[in-house]
Amino acid sequence: MKNKYLLLAAAFFALSGLHGMEWPTQEGLMSRNFGWNDHGKPVLGVCFEVEGPIRAADAGEILFYNDPETTASQLPSPLGAWVALDHGDGLVSIYSRFDEKTLPETLSLIEKDTVIASAGKSGWSNDGGFLFSLFDRRERRWVNPSMIITPLPDTRPPNILSVTLSNGNNRDIKLSPGSARNTINQGRYTVSVEVSDTREGNGDRQLAPFRIVCSLNGVELGYLNLETFSVRDGIAMAYRNSLAPVQQVYAPYPAFEIGDIAFTRGQVTLEIIALDNVQNPRNEIYRLQVD
């Protein structure tokens, strides 16, 4: 699993041509991260709780900022004060929800680590800080910054809070892990998993995992990768086995829909594995009697 992730990350680096991008702040705490289930919607970047300067993650050209002459209609949420910085190869970094009095005066080329704004509060933000996002214009997808920027050190694995099976009769069955025996009727069920992650040095703030995998009797049948969200005809799509609308994947708030599994009669073992962005794993085993 870890080697697979490293190969995917290396491939992404090779395609993007970026090797030295840094976080736009070294001081802030993450209040929300990429992929967090925000009441049925994914967070498309990293929200930082911080005061002080916001720095360019890499060298590039300022493409847009939200002065009265500019429209942000292509951006998916009320971002308040925001700046878009083009790094080449189609990759754009977006800094938003900061102090609207600190916007740049002109469009210009800037160097990495240049101060481009100050953390604050604007748009639909409840706390001071800012939101940092990455968008790949060539592939039309939002990118998890941890795919490009080295994640901060962390040894805490995610926590699997609950696993729920739902069938066409609108019945939800919450499974008990470990040696407990869960009994269900045969048929097809949708698997939803609630996972949260806490990071070292980030207090008790609950964050999203990086990947969730579901296997039945050792065979991988469902997974959710929070690496990117593609945009197809204006609809954000998550990678849940294949592309699926985020509205569907994020519907079982605060959980995530992982996949559909057909259960046949007999005794089966369901395993859920959750990994964070440095690949710390957490797994839970669920034993089921299928009648």
C-alpha atoms as a PDB file:
ATOM      1  CA  MET A   1       0.000   0.000   0.000  1.00  0.00           C
ATOM      2  CA  LYS A   2       2.744   2.462   0.969  1.00  0.00           C
ATOM      3  CA  ASN A   3       4.853   1.629  -2.106  1.00  0.00           C
ATOM      4  CA  LYS A   4       1.779   2.102  -4.286  1.00  0.00           C
ATOM      5  CA  TYR A   5       1.255   5.574  -2.820  1.00  0.00           C
ATOM      6  CA  LEU A   6       4.912   6.523  -3.337  1.00  0.00           C
ATOM      7  CA  LEU A   7       4.711   5.506  -6.996  1.00  0.00           C
ATOM      8  CA  LEU A   8       1.559   7.573  -7.489  1.00  0.00           C
ATOM      9  CA  ALA A   9       3.142  10.585  -5.799  1.00  0.00           C
ATOM     10  CA  ALA A  10       6.310  10.261  -7.881  1.00  0.00           C
ATOM     11  CA  ALA A  11       4.242  10.110 -11.054  1.00  0.00           C
ATOM     12  CA  PHE A  12       2.329  13.217 -10.050  1.00  0.00           C
ATOM     13  CA  PHE A  13       5.575  15.097  -9.324  1.00  0.00           C
ATOM     14  CA  ALA A  14       6.931  14.097 -12.729  1.00  0.00           C
ATOM     15  CA  LEU A  15       3.790  15.295 -14.508  1.00  0.00           C
ATOM     16  CA  SER A  16       3.571  18.570 -12.608  1.00  0.00           C
ATOM     17  CA  GLY A  17       7.246  19.440 -12.853  1.00  0.00           C
ATOM     18  CA  LEU A  18       7.129  20.796  -9.295  1.00  0.00           C
ATOM     19  CA  HIS A  19       9.612  19.702  -6.675  1.00  0.00           C
ATOM     20  CA  GLY A  20      10.100  22.658  -4.329  1.00  0.00           C
ATOM     21  CA  MET A  21       6.613  23.896  -3.431  1.00  0.00           C
ATOM     22  CA  GLU A  22       6.224  24.753   0.262  1.00  0.00           C
ATOM     23  CA  TRP A  23       3.301  25.385   2.579  1.00  0.00           C
ATOM     24  CA  PRO A  24       2.237  29.057   2.504  1.00  0.00           C
ATOM     25  CA  THR A  25       2.664  29.272   6.281  1.00  0.00           C
ATOM     26  CA  GLN A  26       4.906  27.430   8.705  1.00  0.00           C
ATOM     27  CA  GLU A  27       3.105  28.687  11.786  1.00  0.00           C
ATOM     28  CA  GLY A  28      -0.578  27.943  11.327  1.00  0.00           C
ATOM     29  CA  LEU A  29      -2.677  25.064  12.577  1.00  0.00           C
ATOM     30  CA  MET A  30      -4.866  23.110  10.167  1.00  0.00           C
ATOM     31  CA  SER A  31      -8.518  23.517  11.104  1.00  0.00           C
ATOM     32  CA  ARG A  32      -9.714  21.587   8.029  1.00  0.00           C
ATOM     33  CA  ASN A  33      -7.825  19.716   5.337  1.00  0.00           C
ATOM     34  CA  PHE A  34      -8.450  18.508   1.791  1.00  0.00           C
ATOM     35  CA  GLY A  35     -11.374  16.112   1.576  1.00  0.00           C
ATOM     36  CA  TRP A  36     -12.967  16.863   4.958  1.00  0.00           C
ATOM     37  CA  ASN A  37     -16.710  16.193   4.942  1.00  0.00           C
ATOM     38  CA  ASP A  38     -18.140  19.660   5.576  1.00  0.00           C
ATOM     39  CA  HIS A  39     -21.855  18.917   6.049  1.00  0.00           C
ATOM     40  CA  GLY A  40     -22.066  16.950   2.811  1.00  0.00           C
ATOM     41  CA  LYS A  41     -19.475  18.919   0.817  1.00  0.00           C
ATOM     42  CA  PRO A  42     -15.724  18.311   0.473  1.00  0.00           C
ATOM     43  CA  VAL A  43     -13.199  20.906   1.578  1.00  0.00           C
ATOM     44  CA  LEU A  44     -11.145  21.636  -1.552  1.00  0.00           C
ATOM     45  CA  GLY A  45      -7.984  22.788   0.198  1.00  0.00           C
ATOM     46  CA  VAL A  46      -6.405  23.348   3.608  1.00  0.00           C
ATOM     47  CA  CYS A  47      -7.830  25.855   6.107  1.00  0.00           C
ATOM     48  CA  PHE A  48      -5.175  27.399   8.341  1.00  0.00           C
ATOM     49  CA  GLU A  49      -5.777  29.079  11.683  1.00  0.00           C
ATOM     50  CA  VAL A  50      -3.006  31.664  11.754  1.00  0.00           C
ATOM     51  CA  GLU A  51      -2.119  35.332  12.002  1.00  0.00           C
ATOM     52  CA  GLY A  52       0.485  37.116   9.931  1.00  0.00           C
ATOM     53  CA  PRO A  53       1.808  36.779   6.400  1.00  0.00           C
ATOM     54  CA  ILE A  54       0.696  34.372   3.682  1.00  0.00           C
ATOM     55  CA  ARG A  55       3.597  33.427   1.411  1.00  0.00           C
ATOM     56  CA  ALA A  56       3.675  32.185  -2.168  1.00  0.00           C
ATOM     57  CA  ALA A  57       4.050  28.392  -2.161  1.00  0.00           C
ATOM     58  CA  ASP A  58       6.297  28.632  -5.233  1.00  0.00           C
ATOM     59  CA  ALA A  59       7.381  31.138  -7.862  1.00  0.00           C
ATOM     60  CA  GLY A  60       4.738  32.119 -10.362  1.00  0.00           C
ATOM     61  CA  GLU A  61       2.534  34.787 -11.842  1.00  0.00           C
ATOM     62  CA  ILE A  62      -0.449  36.356 -10.110  1.00  0.00           C
ATOM     63  CA  LEU A  63      -3.347  35.733 -12.488  1.00  0.00           C
ATOM     64  CA  PHE A  64      -6.335  37.095 -10.578  1.00  0.00           C
ATOM     65  CA  TYR A  65      -7.339  38.811  -7.390  1.00  0.00           C
ATOM     66  CA  ASN A  66     -10.790  39.878  -6.304  1.00  0.00           C
ATOM     67  CA  ASP A  67     -10.928  43.576  -7.025  1.00  0.00           C
ATOM     68  CA  PRO A  68     -14.328  44.991  -8.120  1.00  0.00           C
ATOM     69  CA  GLU A  69     -13.377  44.576 -11.782  1.00  0.00           C
ATOM     70  CA  THR A  70     -12.760  40.845 -11.495  1.00  0.00           C
ATOM     71  CA  THR A  71     -15.296  38.041 -11.299  1.00  0.00           C
ATOM     72  CA  ALA A  72     -14.579  34.780  -9.490  1.00  0.00           C
ATOM     73  CA  SER A  73     -17.466  32.926 -11.096  1.00  0.00           C
ATOM     74  CA  GLN A  74     -15.265  29.952 -11.982  1.00  0.00           C
ATOM     75  CA  LEU A  75     -14.436  29.328  -8.329  1.00  0.00           C
ATOM     76  CA  PRO A  76     -16.840  27.042  -6.482  1.00  0.00           C
ATOM     77  CA  SER A  77     -17.439  28.893  -3.189  1.00  0.00           C
ATOM     78  CA  PRO A  78     -17.645  32.378  -1.643  1.00  0.00           C
ATOM     79  CA  LEU A  79     -13.904  32.811  -1.065  1.00  0.00           C
ATOM     80  CA  GLY A  80     -13.893  36.421   0.091  1.00  0.00           C
ATOM     81  CA  ALA A  81     -10.521  38.006  -0.627  1.00  0.00           C
ATOM     82  CA  TRP A  82      -8.536  35.689  -2.881  1.00  0.00           C
ATOM     83  CA  VAL A  83      -5.473  35.497  -5.120  1.00  0.00           C
ATOM     84  CA  ALA A  84      -4.724  32.942  -7.872  1.00  0.00           C
ATOM     85  CA  LEU A  85      -1.062  32.265  -8.669  1.00  0.00           C
ATOM     86  CA  ASP A  86      -0.035  30.379 -11.840  1.00  0.00           C
ATOM     87  CA  HIS A  87       2.991  28.092 -11.441  1.00  0.00           C
ATOM     88  CA  GLY A  88       3.112  26.761 -14.991  1.00  0.00           C
ATOM     89  CA  ASP A  89       2.129  23.344 -16.348  1.00  0.00           C
ATOM     90  CA  GLY A  90      -1.492  24.219 -15.616  1.00  0.00           C
ATOM     91  CA  LEU A  91      -1.125  24.250 -11.807  1.00  0.00           C
ATOM     92  CA  VAL A  92      -2.655  27.209  -9.947  1.00  0.00           C
ATOM     93  CA  SER A  93      -2.458  27.908  -6.218  1.00  0.00           C
ATOM     94  CA  ILE A  94      -5.349  29.849  -4.685  1.00  0.00           C
ATOM     95  CA  TYR A  95      -5.130  31.764  -1.404  1.00  0.00           C
ATOM     96  CA  SER A  96      -8.473  32.963  -0.043  1.00  0.00           C
ATOM     97  CA  ARG A  97     -10.617  34.097   2.910  1.00  0.00           C
ATOM     98  CA  PHE A  98      -7.826  36.359   4.188  1.00  0.00           C
ATOM     99  CA  ASP A  99      -7.750  40.042   5.178  1.00  0.00           C
ATOM    100  CA  GLU A 100      -9.309  41.851   2.210  1.00  0.00           C
ATOM    101  CA  LYS A 101      -7.230  44.949   2.912  1.00  0.00           C
ATOM    102  CA  THR A 102      -4.008  43.158   1.944  1.00  0.00           C
ATOM    103  CA  LEU A 103      -4.647  42.290  -1.696  1.00  0.00           C
ATOM    104  CA  PRO A 104      -1.784  42.827  -4.174  1.00  0.00           C
ATOM    105  CA  GLU A 105      -1.877  46.093  -6.090  1.00  0.00           C
ATOM    106  CA  THR A 106      -0.966  44.685  -9.504  1.00  0.00           C
ATOM    107  CA  LEU A 107      -0.635  41.412 -11.408  1.00  0.00           C
ATOM    108  CA  SER A 108       3.016  40.437 -11.428  1.00  0.00           C
ATOM    109  CA  LEU A 109       5.652  37.711 -11.395  1.00  0.00           C
ATOM    110  CA  ILE A 110       6.733  36.834  -7.881  1.00  0.00           C
ATOM    111  CA  GLU A 111       9.321  34.612  -6.268  1.00  0.00           C
ATOM    112  CA  LYS A 112       8.707  31.699  -3.954  1.00  0.00           C
ATOM    113  CA  ASP A 113       8.122  32.713  -0.312  1.00  0.00           C
ATOM    114  CA  THR A 114       7.042  36.242  -1.300  1.00  0.00           C
ATOM    115  CA  VAL A 115       4.395  37.666   1.046  1.00  0.00           C
ATOM    116  CA  ILE A 116       1.214  38.042  -1.028  1.00  0.00           C
ATOM    117  CA  ALA A 117      -1.401  38.758   1.673  1.00  0.00           C
ATOM    118  CA  SER A 118      -2.079  38.672   5.408  1.00  0.00           C
ATOM    119  CA  ALA A 119      -4.229  36.157   7.229  1.00  0.00           C
ATOM    120  CA  GLY A 120      -7.554  37.521   8.417  1.00  0.00           C
ATOM    121  CA  LYS A 121     -11.229  36.917   7.786  1.00  0.00           C
ATOM    122  CA  SER A 122     -13.381  37.341   4.692  1.00  0.00           C
ATOM    123  CA  GLY A 123     -15.879  35.363   2.655  1.00  0.00           C
ATOM    124  CA  TRP A 124     -17.569  32.414   4.327  1.00  0.00           C
ATOM    125  CA  SER A 125     -14.994  32.026   7.087  1.00  0.00           C
ATOM    126  CA  ASN A 126     -15.835  31.832  10.774  1.00  0.00           C
ATOM    127  CA  ASP A 127     -12.294  32.079  12.083  1.00  0.00           C
ATOM    128  CA  GLY A 128      -9.259  34.146  11.204  1.00  0.00           C
ATOM    129  CA  GLY A 129      -6.729  32.576   8.849  1.00  0.00           C
ATOM    130  CA  PHE A 130      -6.975  31.567   5.202  1.00  0.00           C
ATOM    131  CA  LEU A 131      -7.772  28.724   2.779  1.00  0.00           C
ATOM    132  CA  PHE A 132      -5.055  27.314   0.516  1.00  0.00           C
ATOM    133  CA  SER A 133      -6.054  25.295  -2.574  1.00  0.00           C
ATOM    134  CA  LEU A 134      -4.424  23.823  -5.678  1.00  0.00           C
ATOM    135  CA  PHE A 135      -6.168  23.417  -9.035  1.00  0.00           C
ATOM    136  CA  ASP A 136      -4.809  21.582 -12.078  1.00  0.00           C
ATOM    137  CA  ARG A 137      -6.298  23.413 -15.075  1.00  0.00           C
ATOM    138  CA  ARG A 138      -5.024  20.873 -17.609  1.00  0.00           C
ATOM    139  CA  GLU A 139      -6.682  17.918 -15.940  1.00  0.00           C
ATOM    140  CA  ARG A 140      -9.554  19.976 -14.480  1.00  0.00           C
ATOM    141  CA  ARG A 141      -9.125  18.717 -10.946  1.00  0.00           C
ATOM    142  CA  TRP A 142      -8.593  19.981  -7.420  1.00  0.00           C
ATOM    143  CA  VAL A 143      -5.383  18.555  -5.975  1.00  0.00           C
ATOM    144  CA  ASN A 144      -4.659  17.568  -2.389  1.00  0.00           C
ATOM    145  CA  PRO A 145      -1.684  19.794  -1.462  1.00  0.00           C
ATOM    146  CA  SER A 146      -0.100  16.840   0.359  1.00  0.00           C
ATOM    147  CA  MET A 147       0.384  15.204  -3.049  1.00  0.00           C
ATOM    148  CA  ILE A 148       2.864  17.957  -3.951  1.00  0.00           C
ATOM    149  CA  ILE A 149       4.070  19.507  -0.684  1.00  0.00           C
ATOM    150  CA  THR A 150       5.893  17.348   1.858  1.00  0.00           C
ATOM    151  CA  PRO A 151       3.433  16.528   4.670  1.00  0.00           C
ATOM    152  CA  LEU A 152       4.358  17.571   8.185  1.00  0.00           C
ATOM    153  CA  PRO A 153       5.792  14.766  10.380  1.00  0.00           C
ATOM    154  CA  ASP A 154       3.115  12.676  12.081  1.00  0.00           C
ATOM    155  CA  THR A 155       2.955   9.269  13.760  1.00  0.00           C
ATOM    156  CA  ARG A 156      -0.715   9.198  14.762  1.00  0.00           C
ATOM    157  CA  PRO A 157      -2.900   6.886  12.657  1.00  0.00           C
ATOM    158  CA  PRO A 158      -6.479   7.898  11.797  1.00  0.00           C
ATOM    159  CA  ASN A 159      -9.411   6.714  13.912  1.00  0.00           C
ATOM    160  CA  ILE A 160     -12.182   4.591  12.380  1.00  0.00           C
ATOM    161  CA  LEU A 161     -15.246   5.840  14.238  1.00  0.00           C
ATOM    162  CA  SER A 162     -18.003   3.803  12.606  1.00  0.00           C
ATOM    163  CA  VAL A 163     -18.864   1.513   9.707  1.00  0.00           C
ATOM    164  CA  THR A 164     -22.457   1.376   8.463  1.00  0.00           C
ATOM    165  CA  LEU A 165     -24.158  -0.897   5.907  1.00  0.00           C
ATOM    166  CA  SER A 166     -27.229   0.447   4.095  1.00  0.00           C
ATOM    167  CA  ASN A 167     -29.563  -1.511   1.810  1.00  0.00           C
ATOM    168  CA  GLY A 168     -32.372  -0.599  -0.544  1.00  0.00           C
ATOM    169  CA  ASN A 169     -34.920  -0.806   2.293  1.00  0.00           C
ATOM    170  CA  ASN A 170     -33.394   2.302   3.891  1.00  0.00           C
ATOM    171  CA  ARG A 171     -32.141   0.221   6.792  1.00  0.00           C
ATOM    172  CA  ASP A 172     -28.812   1.231   8.316  1.00  0.00           C
ATOM    173  CA  ILE A 173     -26.779  -1.378  10.191  1.00  0.00           C
ATOM    174  CA  LYS A 174     -23.907  -0.082  12.300  1.00  0.00           C
ATOM    175  CA  LEU A 175     -21.260  -2.785  12.642  1.00  0.00           C
ATOM    176  CA  SER A 176     -19.407  -3.764  15.799  1.00  0.00           C
ATOM    177  CA  PRO A 177     -15.664  -4.427  15.334  1.00  0.00           C
ATOM    178  CA  GLY A 178     -13.435  -7.104  16.831  1.00  0.00           C
ATOM    179  CA  SER A 179     -14.739 -10.469  17.949  1.00  0.00           C
ATOM    180  CA  ALA A 180     -18.400  -9.400  17.902  1.00  0.00           C
ATOM    181  CA  ARG A 181     -20.507 -11.241  15.330  1.00  0.00           C
ATOM    182  CA  ASN A 182     -22.723  -9.031  13.175  1.00  0.00           C
ATOM    183  CA  THR A 183     -25.736 -10.636  11.475  1.00  0.00           C
ATOM    184  CA  ILE A 184     -27.168  -9.344   8.187  1.00  0.00           C
ATOM    185  CA  ASN A 185     -29.350 -10.681   5.403  1.00  0.00           C
ATOM    186  CA  GLN A 186     -27.753 -11.487   2.096  1.00  0.00           C
ATOM    187  CA  GLY A 187     -27.930  -8.792  -0.537  1.00  0.00           C
ATOM    188  CA  ARG A 188     -26.165  -5.664  -1.744  1.00  0.00           C
ATOM    189  CA  TYR A 189     -25.188  -3.003   0.768  1.00  0.00           C
ATOM    190  CA  THR A 190     -23.615   0.420   0.546  1.00  0.00           C
ATOM    191  CA  VAL A 191     -20.639   0.775   2.920  1.00  0.00           C
ATOM    192  CA  SER A 192     -20.170   4.105   4.700  1.00  0.00           C
ATOM    193  CA  VAL A 193     -17.173   4.794   6.932  1.00  0.00           C
ATOM    194  CA  GLU A 194     -16.642   7.629   9.398  1.00  0.00           C
ATOM    195  CA  VAL A 195     -12.956   8.399   9.898  1.00  0.00           C
ATOM    196  CA  SER A 196     -11.136  11.275  11.539  1.00  0.00           C
ATOM    197  CA  ASP A 197      -7.472  12.062  11.919  1.00  0.00           C
ATOM    198  CA  THR A 198      -5.540  14.166  14.408  1.00  0.00           C
ATOM    199  CA  ARG A 199      -2.025  15.358  13.684  1.00  0.00           C
ATOM    200  CA  GLU A 200       0.921  15.877  15.983  1.00  0.00           C
ATOM    201  CA  GLY A 201       1.300  19.524  16.902  1.00  0.00           C
ATOM    202  CA  ASN A 202      -2.205  20.316  15.634  1.00  0.00           C
ATOM    203  CA  GLY A 203      -4.152  19.882  18.865  1.00  0.00           C
ATOM    204  CA  ASP A 204      -7.383  17.891  18.788  1.00  0.00           C
ATOM    205  CA  ARG A 205      -8.602  19.290  15.468  1.00  0.00           C
ATOM    206  CA  GLN A 206     -10.375  16.574  13.488  1.00  0.00           C
ATOM    207  CA  LEU A 207      -9.114  16.161   9.915  1.00  0.00           C
ATOM    208  CA  ALA A 208      -9.919  13.922   6.965  1.00  0.00           C
ATOM    209  CA  PRO A 209      -7.891  10.798   6.144  1.00  0.00           C
ATOM    210  CA  PHE A 210      -6.010  10.409   2.886  1.00  0.00           C
ATOM    211  CA  ARG A 211      -7.394   7.042   1.799  1.00  0.00           C
ATOM    212  CA  ILE A 212      -9.977   4.488   2.972  1.00  0.00           C
ATOM    213  CA  VAL A 213      -9.930   0.877   1.730  1.00  0.00           C
ATOM    214  CA  CYS A 214     -12.592  -1.796   2.222  1.00  0.00           C
ATOM    215  CA  SER A 215     -11.973  -5.516   1.646  1.00  0.00           C
ATOM    216  CA  LEU A 216     -14.161  -8.602   1.983  1.00  0.00           C
ATOM    217  CA  ASN A 217     -12.431 -11.888   2.843  1.00  0.00           C
ATOM    218  CA  GLY A 218      -9.121 -10.309   1.822  1.00  0.00           C
ATOM    219  CA  VAL A 219     -10.330  -9.022  -1.567  1.00  0.00           C
ATOM    220  CA  GLU A 220     -10.352  -5.238  -2.031  1.00  0.00           C
ATOM    221  CA  LEU A 221     -13.849  -4.230  -3.148  1.00  0.00           C
ATOM    222  CA  GLY A 222     -14.128  -0.565  -2.238  1.00  0.00           C
ATOM    223  CA  TYR A 223     -11.902   2.430  -1.672  1.00  0.00           C
ATOM    224  CA  LEU A 224     -11.928   6.198  -1.539  1.00  0.00           C
ATOM    225  CA  ASN A 225      -8.856   8.205  -2.526  1.00  0.00           C
ATOM    226  CA  LEU A 226      -8.759  11.815  -1.345  1.00  0.00           C
ATOM    227  CA  GLU A 227      -5.909  12.748  -3.681  1.00  0.00           C
ATOM    228  CA  THR A 228      -7.878  14.809  -6.192  1.00  0.00           C
ATOM    229  CA  PHE A 229     -11.419  15.835  -7.115  1.00  0.00           C
ATOM    230  CA  SER A 230     -12.057  16.016 -10.844  1.00  0.00           C
ATOM    231  CA  VAL A 231     -14.532  18.456 -12.375  1.00  0.00           C
ATOM    232  CA  ARG A 232     -16.810  17.084 -15.112  1.00  0.00           C
ATOM    233  CA  ASP A 233     -19.436  19.389 -16.649  1.00  0.00           C
ATOM    234  CA  GLY A 234     -19.299  21.572 -13.564  1.00  0.00           C
ATOM    235  CA  ILE A 235     -19.769  18.628 -11.163  1.00  0.00           C
ATOM    236  CA  ALA A 236     -17.020  17.667  -8.705  1.00  0.00           C
ATOM    237  CA  MET A 237     -16.211  13.949  -8.834  1.00  0.00           C
ATOM    238  CA  ALA A 238     -14.451  11.845  -6.190  1.00  0.00           C
ATOM    239  CA  TYR A 239     -12.380   8.703  -6.819  1.00  0.00           C
ATOM    240  CA  ARG A 240     -14.538   6.037  -5.154  1.00  0.00           C
ATOM    241  CA  ASN A 241     -13.500   2.880  -7.052  1.00  0.00           C
ATOM    242  CA  SER A 242     -14.275   4.937 -10.150  1.00  0.00           C
ATOM    243  CA  LEU A 243     -15.377   8.534 -10.507  1.00  0.00           C
ATOM    244  CA  ALA A 244     -18.509   9.268  -8.468  1.00  0.00           C
ATOM    245  CA  PRO A 245     -20.232  12.589  -7.728  1.00  0.00           C
ATOM    246  CA  VAL A 246     -19.040  14.080  -4.442  1.00  0.00           C
ATOM    247  CA  GLN A 247     -22.695  14.736  -3.585  1.00  0.00           C
ATOM    248  CA  GLN A 248     -23.136  10.960  -3.410  1.00  0.00           C
ATOM    249  CA  VAL A 249     -19.859  10.147  -1.664  1.00  0.00           C
ATOM    250  CA  TYR A 250     -20.346  12.850   0.974  1.00  0.00           C
ATOM    251  CA  ALA A 251     -24.081  12.308   1.530  1.00  0.00           C
ATOM    252  CA  PRO A 252     -23.735  10.147   4.698  1.00  0.00           C
ATOM    253  CA  TYR A 253     -22.273  13.096   6.659  1.00  0.00           C
ATOM    254  CA  PRO A 254     -20.036  12.918   8.650  1.00  0.00           C
ATOM    255  CA  ALA A 255     -19.054   9.604   7.033  1.00  0.00           C
ATOM    256  CA  PHE A 256     -17.908   8.791   3.484  1.00  0.00           C
ATOM    257  CA  GLU A 257     -19.556   6.363   1.066  1.00  0.00           C
ATOM    258  CA  ILE A 258     -16.870   3.820   0.145  1.00  0.00           C
ATOM    259  CA  GLY A 259     -18.635   1.417  -2.202  1.00  0.00           C
ATOM    260  CA  ASP A 260     -21.320  -1.191  -2.793  1.00  0.00           C
ATOM    261  CA  ILE A 261     -20.742  -4.836  -1.820  1.00  0.00           C
ATOM    262  CA  ALA A 262     -22.851  -7.916  -2.480  1.00  0.00           C
ATOM    263  CA  PHE A 263     -22.940 -10.242   0.571  1.00  0.00           C
ATOM    264  CA  THR A 264     -23.783 -13.925   0.067  1.00  0.00           C
ATOM    265  CA  ARG A 265     -24.724 -16.475   2.732  1.00  0.00           C
ATOM    266  CA  GLY A 266     -22.038 -17.637   5.117  1.00  0.00           C
ATOM    267  CA  GLN A 267     -19.462 -16.201   7.474  1.00  0.00           C
ATOM    268  CA  VAL A 268     -17.424 -13.319   6.063  1.00  0.00           C
ATOM    269  CA  THR A 269     -14.794 -10.869   7.256  1.00  0.00           C
ATOM    270  CA  LEU A 270     -14.953  -7.200   6.375  1.00  0.00           C
ATOM    271  CA  GLU A 271     -11.799  -5.135   6.877  1.00  0.00           C
ATOM    272  CA  ILE A 272     -11.553  -1.329   6.789  1.00  0.00           C
ATOM    273  CA  ILE A 273      -8.159   0.351   6.454  1.00  0.00           C
ATOM    274  CA  ALA A 274      -7.705   4.120   6.828  1.00  0.00           C
ATOM    275  CA  LEU A 275      -4.454   5.925   6.053  1.00  0.00           C
ATOM    276  CA  ASP A 276      -3.391   9.513   6.631  1.00  0.00           C
ATOM    277  CA  ASN A 277      -1.241  11.573   4.278  1.00  0.00           C
ATOM    278  CA  VAL A 278       2.025  10.108   5.616  1.00  0.00           C
ATOM    279  CA  GLN A 279       0.552   6.582   5.348  1.00  0.00           C
ATOM    280  CA  ASN A 280       0.038   5.827   9.032  1.00  0.00           C
ATOM    281  CA  PRO A 281      -2.498   2.949   8.880  1.00  0.00           C
ATOM    282  CA  ARG A 282      -5.457   2.025  11.070  1.00  0.00           C
ATOM    283  CA  ASN A 283      -7.491  -1.109  10.425  1.00  0.00           C
ATOM    284  CA  GLU A 284     -10.602  -2.645  11.935  1.00  0.00           C
ATOM    285  CA  ILE A 285     -11.988  -6.148  11.381  1.00  0.00           C
ATOM    286  CA  TYR A 286     -15.734  -6.854  11.298  1.00  0.00           C
ATOM    287  CA  ARG A 287     -17.055 -10.436  11.386  1.00  0.00           C
ATOM    288  CA  LEU A 288     -20.433 -11.012   9.773  1.00  0.00           C
ATOM    289  CA  GLN A 289     -22.919 -13.835   9.613  1.00  0.00           C
ATOM    290  CA  VAL A 290     -24.859 -13.488   6.361  1.00  0.00           C
ATOM    291  CA  ASP A 291     -28.240 -15.277   6.415  1.00  0.00           C
END
